[in-house]
N, C-alpha and C. Protein backbone atom coordinates (compact mmCIF):
# COMPACT_ATOMS: atom_id res chain seq x y z
N MET A 1 15.17 -26.45 36.72
CA MET A 1 15.63 -27.29 35.68
C MET A 1 14.54 -27.80 35.11
N LEU A 2 13.25 -28.29 35.74
CA LEU A 2 11.99 -28.72 35.08
C LEU A 2 11.30 -27.79 34.32
N ALA A 3 11.47 -26.60 34.65
CA ALA A 3 10.80 -25.36 33.94
C ALA A 3 11.37 -25.11 32.66
N SER A 4 12.72 -25.12 32.57
CA SER A 4 13.54 -25.18 31.50
C SER A 4 13.13 -26.09 30.51
N ALA A 5 12.80 -27.34 30.93
CA ALA A 5 12.60 -28.47 30.22
C ALA A 5 11.42 -28.45 29.44
N ALA A 6 10.44 -27.86 30.19
CA ALA A 6 8.92 -27.70 29.91
C ALA A 6 9.11 -26.61 28.82
N THR A 7 9.62 -25.53 29.25
CA THR A 7 9.68 -24.48 28.20
C THR A 7 10.05 -24.91 26.81
N ILE A 8 11.24 -25.50 26.94
CA ILE A 8 11.84 -25.97 25.40
C ILE A 8 11.10 -27.24 24.75
N ALA A 9 10.25 -27.84 25.44
CA ALA A 9 9.35 -28.87 24.90
C ALA A 9 7.97 -27.99 24.16
N ALA A 10 7.61 -26.95 24.92
CA ALA A 10 6.49 -26.21 24.62
C ALA A 10 6.92 -25.33 23.19
N THR A 11 8.07 -24.81 23.35
CA THR A 11 8.66 -24.06 22.12
C THR A 11 8.99 -24.78 21.00
N ALA A 12 9.33 -26.00 21.27
CA ALA A 12 9.47 -27.33 19.87
C ALA A 12 7.94 -27.54 19.56
N SER A 13 7.01 -27.76 20.27
CA SER A 13 5.79 -28.03 20.08
C SER A 13 5.22 -26.99 19.00
N LEU A 14 5.48 -25.68 19.34
CA LEU A 14 4.86 -24.58 19.04
C LEU A 14 5.46 -24.38 17.40
N ALA A 15 7.06 -24.71 17.45
CA ALA A 15 7.60 -24.73 16.20
C ALA A 15 7.24 -25.61 15.17
N SER A 16 6.87 -27.01 15.72
CA SER A 16 6.52 -27.82 14.72
C SER A 16 5.30 -27.69 14.14
N THR A 17 4.29 -26.73 15.09
CA THR A 17 2.99 -26.83 14.21
C THR A 17 2.99 -25.29 13.55
N GLY A 18 3.98 -24.49 13.35
CA GLY A 18 4.13 -23.29 12.56
C GLY A 18 3.92 -22.15 13.38
N ARG A 19 3.41 -22.28 14.48
CA ARG A 19 2.61 -20.99 15.15
C ARG A 19 3.96 -19.95 15.48
N ALA A 20 4.95 -20.79 16.12
CA ALA A 20 6.07 -19.81 16.63
C ALA A 20 6.88 -19.24 15.64
N SER A 21 6.87 -20.06 14.19
CA SER A 21 7.70 -19.49 13.24
C SER A 21 7.35 -18.79 12.27
N ALA A 22 5.78 -18.49 12.36
CA ALA A 22 5.00 -17.40 11.31
C ALA A 22 5.66 -16.43 11.16
N THR A 23 5.79 -15.74 9.98
CA THR A 23 6.55 -14.69 9.65
C THR A 23 5.29 -13.62 9.87
N PRO A 24 5.45 -12.52 10.84
CA PRO A 24 4.33 -11.46 11.29
C PRO A 24 4.03 -10.44 10.07
N ARG A 25 2.99 -10.00 10.11
CA ARG A 25 2.49 -8.93 8.79
C ARG A 25 3.23 -7.88 9.14
N CYS A 26 3.82 -7.01 8.19
CA CYS A 26 4.44 -5.93 8.23
C CYS A 26 3.29 -4.75 8.68
N SER A 27 3.90 -4.07 9.78
CA SER A 27 3.14 -2.82 10.17
C SER A 27 3.55 -1.82 9.62
N THR A 28 2.72 -0.69 9.62
CA THR A 28 3.09 0.70 9.03
C THR A 28 4.20 1.18 9.38
N SER A 29 4.45 1.17 10.87
CA SER A 29 5.55 1.78 11.52
C SER A 29 6.82 1.34 11.01
N GLY A 30 7.10 -0.12 10.60
CA GLY A 30 8.26 -0.53 10.02
C GLY A 30 8.19 -0.24 8.48
N LEU A 31 7.59 0.30 7.81
CA LEU A 31 7.50 0.46 6.30
C LEU A 31 7.68 1.97 5.99
N VAL A 32 8.84 1.99 5.06
CA VAL A 32 8.96 3.32 4.36
C VAL A 32 7.88 3.30 3.07
N ILE A 33 6.99 4.14 2.90
CA ILE A 33 6.33 4.13 1.61
C ILE A 33 6.55 5.34 0.68
N TRP A 34 6.79 5.12 -0.67
CA TRP A 34 7.49 6.03 -1.53
C TRP A 34 6.74 5.51 -2.93
N LEU A 35 6.69 6.58 -3.88
CA LEU A 35 6.19 6.71 -5.21
C LEU A 35 7.38 7.02 -6.25
N SER A 36 7.54 6.25 -7.17
CA SER A 36 8.70 6.52 -8.34
C SER A 36 7.90 7.65 -9.09
N THR A 37 8.47 8.80 -9.17
CA THR A 37 7.96 9.83 -9.85
C THR A 37 8.13 9.86 -11.30
N THR A 38 8.71 8.63 -12.07
CA THR A 38 8.77 8.35 -13.39
C THR A 38 7.63 7.51 -13.94
N GLY A 39 6.60 8.06 -14.44
CA GLY A 39 5.58 7.21 -14.82
C GLY A 39 5.35 6.95 -16.16
N ASN A 40 4.65 5.83 -16.52
CA ASN A 40 4.54 5.56 -17.79
C ASN A 40 3.05 5.83 -18.27
N GLY A 41 3.07 6.46 -19.25
CA GLY A 41 1.58 7.19 -19.69
C GLY A 41 1.16 6.11 -20.88
N THR A 42 -0.39 6.23 -21.00
CA THR A 42 -1.04 5.58 -22.09
C THR A 42 -2.38 6.39 -22.01
N ALA A 43 -3.10 6.55 -23.17
CA ALA A 43 -4.15 7.14 -23.45
C ALA A 43 -4.97 7.80 -22.18
N GLY A 44 -4.44 8.73 -21.64
CA GLY A 44 -5.20 9.15 -20.19
C GLY A 44 -4.78 8.82 -19.13
N SER A 45 -3.92 8.02 -19.04
CA SER A 45 -3.51 7.70 -17.67
C SER A 45 -2.11 7.41 -17.71
N ILE A 46 -1.53 7.54 -16.15
CA ILE A 46 0.00 7.23 -16.04
C ILE A 46 0.16 6.54 -15.02
N TYR A 47 0.89 5.49 -15.10
CA TYR A 47 1.17 4.29 -14.24
C TYR A 47 2.44 4.62 -13.34
N TYR A 48 2.31 4.48 -12.03
CA TYR A 48 3.46 4.82 -11.16
C TYR A 48 3.56 3.58 -10.00
N SER A 49 4.98 3.29 -9.92
CA SER A 49 5.20 2.40 -9.18
C SER A 49 5.21 2.58 -7.83
N LEU A 50 4.44 2.13 -6.68
CA LEU A 50 4.33 2.37 -5.36
C LEU A 50 5.06 1.67 -4.54
N TYR A 51 5.97 1.90 -3.79
CA TYR A 51 7.05 1.02 -3.24
C TYR A 51 6.87 1.01 -1.59
N LEU A 52 6.73 -0.05 -0.92
CA LEU A 52 6.56 -0.44 0.57
C LEU A 52 7.96 -0.92 0.97
N THR A 53 8.81 -0.45 1.48
CA THR A 53 10.20 -1.09 1.79
C THR A 53 10.34 -1.22 3.54
N ASN A 54 10.65 -2.50 3.76
CA ASN A 54 10.79 -2.78 5.11
C ASN A 54 11.88 -2.32 5.82
N LEU A 55 12.00 -1.28 6.76
CA LEU A 55 12.90 -1.01 7.59
C LEU A 55 12.80 -1.25 9.15
N SER A 56 12.12 -2.35 9.45
CA SER A 56 11.76 -2.78 10.64
C SER A 56 12.83 -3.45 11.28
N GLY A 57 13.77 -4.04 10.28
CA GLY A 57 14.96 -4.90 10.86
C GLY A 57 14.69 -6.43 11.30
N ARG A 58 13.27 -6.67 10.98
CA ARG A 58 12.67 -7.94 10.82
C ARG A 58 12.03 -8.22 9.57
N THR A 59 11.91 -9.62 8.98
CA THR A 59 11.39 -9.76 8.08
C THR A 59 9.81 -9.91 8.76
N CYS A 60 9.11 -9.52 7.51
CA CYS A 60 7.60 -9.60 7.48
C CYS A 60 6.91 -9.79 6.59
N THR A 61 5.69 -9.94 6.29
CA THR A 61 4.98 -10.15 5.28
C THR A 61 3.74 -9.15 4.70
N VAL A 62 3.55 -8.73 3.56
CA VAL A 62 2.40 -8.08 3.21
C VAL A 62 1.53 -8.97 2.32
N ARG A 63 0.30 -8.69 2.12
CA ARG A 63 -0.54 -9.41 1.20
C ARG A 63 -1.89 -8.59 0.68
N GLY A 64 -1.86 -8.52 -0.56
CA GLY A 64 -3.19 -7.75 -0.94
C GLY A 64 -2.82 -6.40 -1.57
N TYR A 65 -4.03 -5.45 -1.55
CA TYR A 65 -3.83 -4.17 -2.08
C TYR A 65 -3.50 -3.02 -0.87
N PRO A 66 -2.66 -2.19 -1.36
CA PRO A 66 -2.62 -0.85 -0.38
C PRO A 66 -3.84 -0.15 -0.52
N GLY A 67 -4.13 0.43 0.67
CA GLY A 67 -5.34 1.44 0.49
C GLY A 67 -4.86 2.77 0.03
N VAL A 68 -5.26 3.60 -1.08
CA VAL A 68 -4.75 4.74 -1.44
C VAL A 68 -5.66 5.78 -1.74
N SER A 69 -5.43 6.86 -1.41
CA SER A 69 -6.46 8.14 -1.96
C SER A 69 -5.48 9.01 -1.95
N ALA A 70 -6.00 10.46 -2.78
CA ALA A 70 -5.38 11.56 -3.00
C ALA A 70 -5.85 12.44 -1.75
N VAL A 71 -4.92 13.16 -1.24
CA VAL A 71 -5.20 14.03 -0.16
C VAL A 71 -4.75 15.58 -0.42
N ASN A 72 -5.18 16.55 0.32
CA ASN A 72 -5.02 17.81 0.15
C ASN A 72 -3.83 18.12 1.07
N LEU A 73 -3.58 19.57 1.35
CA LEU A 73 -2.42 19.98 2.21
C LEU A 73 -2.71 19.67 3.82
N TYR A 74 -3.87 19.38 4.00
CA TYR A 74 -4.44 18.97 5.41
C TYR A 74 -4.60 17.84 5.58
N GLY A 75 -4.33 16.83 4.45
CA GLY A 75 -4.17 15.23 4.78
C GLY A 75 -5.83 14.87 4.60
N HIS A 76 -6.83 15.58 4.00
CA HIS A 76 -8.07 15.40 4.03
C HIS A 76 -8.23 14.97 2.50
N ARG A 77 -8.87 13.50 2.41
CA ARG A 77 -9.05 12.81 1.34
C ARG A 77 -9.86 13.79 0.23
N LEU A 78 -9.45 13.58 -0.92
CA LEU A 78 -10.04 14.13 -2.13
C LEU A 78 -10.56 13.29 -2.89
N GLY A 79 -11.84 13.22 -3.26
CA GLY A 79 -12.57 12.26 -4.36
C GLY A 79 -12.68 10.98 -3.82
N ARG A 80 -12.72 10.23 -4.62
CA ARG A 80 -12.90 8.58 -4.26
C ARG A 80 -11.62 7.98 -4.06
N SER A 81 -11.58 7.14 -2.98
CA SER A 81 -10.21 6.07 -3.05
C SER A 81 -9.86 5.40 -4.06
N ALA A 82 -8.70 4.85 -4.14
CA ALA A 82 -8.43 4.06 -5.45
C ALA A 82 -9.07 2.71 -5.23
N LEU A 83 -9.63 2.42 -6.49
CA LEU A 83 -10.02 1.24 -6.97
C LEU A 83 -9.28 0.11 -7.00
N ARG A 84 -9.57 -1.22 -6.54
CA ARG A 84 -8.56 -2.33 -6.83
C ARG A 84 -8.73 -2.78 -8.07
N ASP A 85 -7.44 -2.95 -8.75
CA ASP A 85 -7.42 -3.41 -10.14
C ASP A 85 -6.96 -4.75 -9.92
N THR A 86 -7.82 -5.86 -10.37
CA THR A 86 -7.80 -7.13 -10.08
C THR A 86 -7.15 -7.91 -11.16
N VAL A 87 -6.09 -7.32 -11.97
CA VAL A 87 -5.56 -8.01 -13.13
C VAL A 87 -4.85 -9.17 -12.48
N GLN A 88 -4.52 -9.11 -11.28
CA GLN A 88 -3.42 -10.24 -10.94
C GLN A 88 -4.13 -10.81 -9.37
N ASN A 89 -3.89 -12.01 -9.11
CA ASN A 89 -4.33 -12.34 -7.83
C ASN A 89 -3.50 -11.94 -6.77
N PRO A 90 -3.72 -11.29 -5.43
CA PRO A 90 -2.69 -11.12 -4.58
C PRO A 90 -2.18 -12.23 -3.82
N GLY A 91 -0.72 -12.22 -3.57
CA GLY A 91 -0.23 -13.24 -2.76
C GLY A 91 0.68 -12.72 -1.74
N VAL A 92 0.96 -13.60 -0.96
CA VAL A 92 2.02 -13.03 0.23
C VAL A 92 3.39 -12.83 -0.33
N VAL A 93 3.66 -11.68 0.09
CA VAL A 93 4.98 -11.04 -0.23
C VAL A 93 5.86 -10.98 1.14
N THR A 94 7.08 -11.75 1.15
CA THR A 94 7.95 -11.95 2.29
C THR A 94 8.90 -10.88 2.16
N LEU A 95 9.09 -9.84 3.02
CA LEU A 95 9.99 -8.69 2.82
C LEU A 95 11.14 -8.97 3.95
N ALA A 96 12.36 -9.33 3.55
CA ALA A 96 13.58 -9.24 4.65
C ALA A 96 13.75 -7.76 4.86
N PRO A 97 14.48 -7.68 5.93
CA PRO A 97 15.05 -6.28 6.08
C PRO A 97 15.42 -5.56 4.86
N THR A 98 15.15 -4.47 4.71
CA THR A 98 15.61 -3.43 3.45
C THR A 98 14.82 -3.80 2.30
N ALA A 99 13.87 -5.08 2.12
CA ALA A 99 13.44 -5.50 0.95
C ALA A 99 12.17 -4.50 0.61
N THR A 100 11.79 -4.48 -0.65
CA THR A 100 10.59 -3.73 -1.05
C THR A 100 9.73 -4.46 -1.87
N ALA A 101 8.13 -4.21 -1.66
CA ALA A 101 7.37 -4.72 -2.46
C ALA A 101 6.64 -3.71 -3.31
N THR A 102 6.11 -3.95 -4.41
CA THR A 102 5.76 -3.17 -5.50
C THR A 102 4.26 -3.31 -5.78
N ALA A 103 3.36 -2.05 -5.89
CA ALA A 103 2.07 -1.83 -6.38
C ALA A 103 2.11 -1.14 -7.36
N VAL A 104 1.39 -1.36 -8.69
CA VAL A 104 1.31 -0.29 -9.66
C VAL A 104 0.05 0.47 -9.41
N LEU A 105 0.05 1.86 -9.47
CA LEU A 105 -0.70 2.98 -9.12
C LEU A 105 -1.16 3.74 -10.49
N ARG A 106 -2.41 3.59 -10.73
CA ARG A 106 -2.78 4.29 -12.11
C ARG A 106 -3.45 5.60 -11.80
N ILE A 107 -3.25 6.55 -12.42
CA ILE A 107 -3.57 7.87 -11.93
C ILE A 107 -4.25 8.22 -13.57
N VAL A 108 -5.73 8.39 -13.55
CA VAL A 108 -6.12 8.68 -15.00
C VAL A 108 -6.31 10.26 -14.84
N ASP A 109 -6.11 10.76 -16.09
CA ASP A 109 -6.34 12.15 -16.11
C ASP A 109 -7.55 12.79 -15.85
N ALA A 110 -7.28 13.61 -14.84
CA ALA A 110 -8.59 14.34 -14.32
C ALA A 110 -9.32 15.13 -15.38
N GLY A 111 -8.72 15.47 -16.32
CA GLY A 111 -9.44 16.23 -17.33
C GLY A 111 -10.43 15.15 -18.41
N ASN A 112 -10.22 13.85 -18.29
CA ASN A 112 -10.98 12.71 -18.77
C ASN A 112 -12.37 12.90 -18.54
N PHE A 113 -12.69 13.39 -17.15
CA PHE A 113 -14.12 13.44 -16.53
C PHE A 113 -14.85 14.64 -16.57
N THR A 114 -16.09 14.70 -16.53
CA THR A 114 -16.76 15.65 -16.68
C THR A 114 -16.58 16.74 -15.37
N ALA A 115 -16.94 17.86 -15.68
CA ALA A 115 -16.52 18.85 -14.54
C ALA A 115 -17.68 18.65 -13.41
N SER A 116 -18.87 18.16 -13.50
CA SER A 116 -19.75 17.97 -12.58
C SER A 116 -19.52 16.62 -12.03
N ALA A 117 -18.70 15.92 -12.42
CA ALA A 117 -18.34 14.36 -11.93
C ALA A 117 -17.10 14.65 -11.09
N CYS A 118 -16.28 15.45 -11.52
CA CYS A 118 -14.92 15.62 -11.11
C CYS A 118 -14.48 16.49 -10.08
N ARG A 119 -14.65 17.96 -10.55
CA ARG A 119 -14.39 19.21 -10.07
C ARG A 119 -12.77 18.93 -9.94
N GLU A 120 -11.78 19.26 -10.72
CA GLU A 120 -10.56 18.98 -10.76
C GLU A 120 -9.97 20.08 -9.81
N VAL A 121 -8.95 19.53 -9.01
CA VAL A 121 -8.19 20.25 -8.03
C VAL A 121 -6.44 19.33 -8.08
N THR A 122 -5.81 20.24 -7.21
CA THR A 122 -4.36 19.59 -7.30
C THR A 122 -4.23 19.05 -5.73
N ALA A 123 -3.84 17.68 -5.81
CA ALA A 123 -3.58 17.10 -4.59
C ALA A 123 -2.21 17.46 -3.93
N ALA A 124 -1.87 17.42 -2.84
CA ALA A 124 -0.63 17.41 -2.22
C ALA A 124 0.06 16.13 -2.27
N GLY A 125 -0.78 15.21 -2.18
CA GLY A 125 0.01 13.72 -2.27
C GLY A 125 -1.03 12.44 -2.12
N LEU A 126 -0.56 11.70 -1.65
CA LEU A 126 -1.21 10.19 -1.42
C LEU A 126 -1.30 9.73 -0.06
N ARG A 127 -2.21 9.31 0.44
CA ARG A 127 -2.33 8.44 1.74
C ARG A 127 -2.53 7.15 1.21
N VAL A 128 -1.42 6.31 1.92
CA VAL A 128 -1.26 4.99 1.61
C VAL A 128 -1.28 4.21 3.02
N TYR A 129 -2.37 3.15 2.93
CA TYR A 129 -2.63 2.34 4.09
C TYR A 129 -1.80 0.92 3.57
N PRO A 130 -0.83 0.31 4.19
CA PRO A 130 -0.45 -0.99 3.97
C PRO A 130 -1.78 -2.02 4.18
N PRO A 131 -1.63 -3.14 3.42
CA PRO A 131 -2.83 -3.96 3.26
C PRO A 131 -2.85 -4.54 5.03
N GLY A 132 -4.08 -4.47 5.37
CA GLY A 132 -4.43 -5.03 6.86
C GLY A 132 -4.22 -4.09 7.82
N GLN A 133 -3.61 -2.88 7.55
CA GLN A 133 -3.17 -1.90 8.67
C GLN A 133 -4.17 -0.84 8.84
N ALA A 134 -4.32 -0.27 10.02
CA ALA A 134 -5.33 0.71 10.25
C ALA A 134 -4.62 2.26 10.13
N ALA A 135 -3.28 2.13 10.23
CA ALA A 135 -2.30 3.41 10.29
C ALA A 135 -1.95 3.67 8.79
N SER A 136 -1.77 4.76 8.57
CA SER A 136 -1.17 5.02 7.06
C SER A 136 -0.06 6.11 7.34
N LYS A 137 0.68 6.29 5.78
CA LYS A 137 1.66 7.21 5.83
C LYS A 137 1.09 8.17 4.55
N LEU A 138 1.73 9.45 4.67
CA LEU A 138 1.71 10.21 3.51
C LEU A 138 2.75 10.43 2.52
N VAL A 139 2.47 10.42 1.47
CA VAL A 139 3.56 10.39 0.48
C VAL A 139 3.25 11.79 -0.51
N PRO A 140 4.23 12.66 -0.39
CA PRO A 140 3.89 13.82 -0.91
C PRO A 140 4.22 13.90 -2.60
N PHE A 141 3.27 14.14 -3.20
CA PHE A 141 3.36 13.96 -4.78
C PHE A 141 2.19 14.77 -5.53
N PRO A 142 2.40 16.16 -5.82
CA PRO A 142 1.14 16.92 -6.32
C PRO A 142 1.01 16.41 -7.63
N PHE A 143 -0.48 16.22 -7.77
CA PHE A 143 -1.01 15.81 -9.33
C PHE A 143 -2.54 16.48 -9.18
N LYS A 144 -3.08 16.43 -10.50
CA LYS A 144 -4.27 16.80 -10.82
C LYS A 144 -5.18 15.25 -10.43
N THR A 145 -5.95 15.92 -9.67
CA THR A 145 -7.07 14.80 -9.43
C THR A 145 -8.74 15.23 -9.06
N CYS A 146 -9.54 14.37 -9.01
CA CYS A 146 -10.93 14.66 -9.16
C CYS A 146 -11.20 15.11 -7.27
N SER A 147 -11.74 15.95 -7.06
CA SER A 147 -12.12 16.10 -5.70
C SER A 147 -13.72 15.72 -5.26
N ARG A 148 -14.38 15.10 -6.24
CA ARG A 148 -15.71 14.63 -6.11
C ARG A 148 -15.56 13.28 -6.21
N SER A 149 -16.52 12.34 -5.53
CA SER A 149 -16.24 10.85 -5.70
C SER A 149 -17.11 10.38 -6.66
N GLY A 150 -17.58 11.01 -7.73
CA GLY A 150 -18.42 10.59 -8.92
C GLY A 150 -17.42 10.04 -9.90
N ALA A 151 -16.09 10.44 -9.87
CA ALA A 151 -15.24 9.94 -10.72
C ALA A 151 -13.98 9.06 -10.16
N ALA A 152 -13.64 7.74 -10.62
CA ALA A 152 -12.68 7.01 -10.22
C ALA A 152 -11.52 7.11 -11.07
N ASN A 153 -10.65 8.20 -10.43
CA ASN A 153 -9.52 8.42 -11.10
C ASN A 153 -8.22 7.59 -10.66
N LEU A 154 -8.35 6.89 -9.52
CA LEU A 154 -7.12 6.28 -8.89
C LEU A 154 -7.44 4.76 -8.96
N SER A 155 -6.24 4.08 -9.18
CA SER A 155 -6.58 2.32 -9.32
C SER A 155 -5.44 1.70 -8.58
N VAL A 156 -5.38 0.73 -7.90
CA VAL A 156 -4.08 0.23 -7.67
C VAL A 156 -4.23 -1.49 -7.70
N ARG A 157 -2.99 -1.82 -8.15
CA ARG A 157 -2.79 -3.66 -8.13
C ARG A 157 -2.28 -4.07 -6.88
N ALA A 158 -2.44 -5.23 -6.73
CA ALA A 158 -1.96 -5.79 -5.68
C ALA A 158 -0.25 -5.96 -5.53
N LEU A 159 0.04 -5.93 -4.18
CA LEU A 159 1.73 -5.71 -4.18
C LEU A 159 2.04 -7.37 -4.54
N THR A 160 3.51 -6.96 -5.16
CA THR A 160 4.21 -7.97 -5.87
C THR A 160 5.66 -7.87 -5.15
């Protein structure tokens, strides 16, 4: 009986400090990552919505920018990884089960760059790392991209 009372007291103490009730960071394994194929274009760029949906069964959080790069059929990176578009400050996004966070992905037309800086190829898709995660997921999505790192034709905004 004493052990139970001590356990209850420790749990209450942790809860009052906020440590026990902190919402964990979303892990890659609990997320489905997908891309809207309906883009909005402007002078040489197309903007797509990149989605991270929580299917872990538990509430979790994401904060910041996903890591994004174009990949070939073998999953190898093509060109330069996406730059961070800092138009907005990143904030914590809490995802209940089945909720979705969104980031805007900009793909600049590879034809806008010189052949020597770009070397245009067709990507098989995107490799996406959720913020703070070392594991990634592949999103099938063929598009023209640069295979050289001299051209920055991808950028991503913070998750909202």
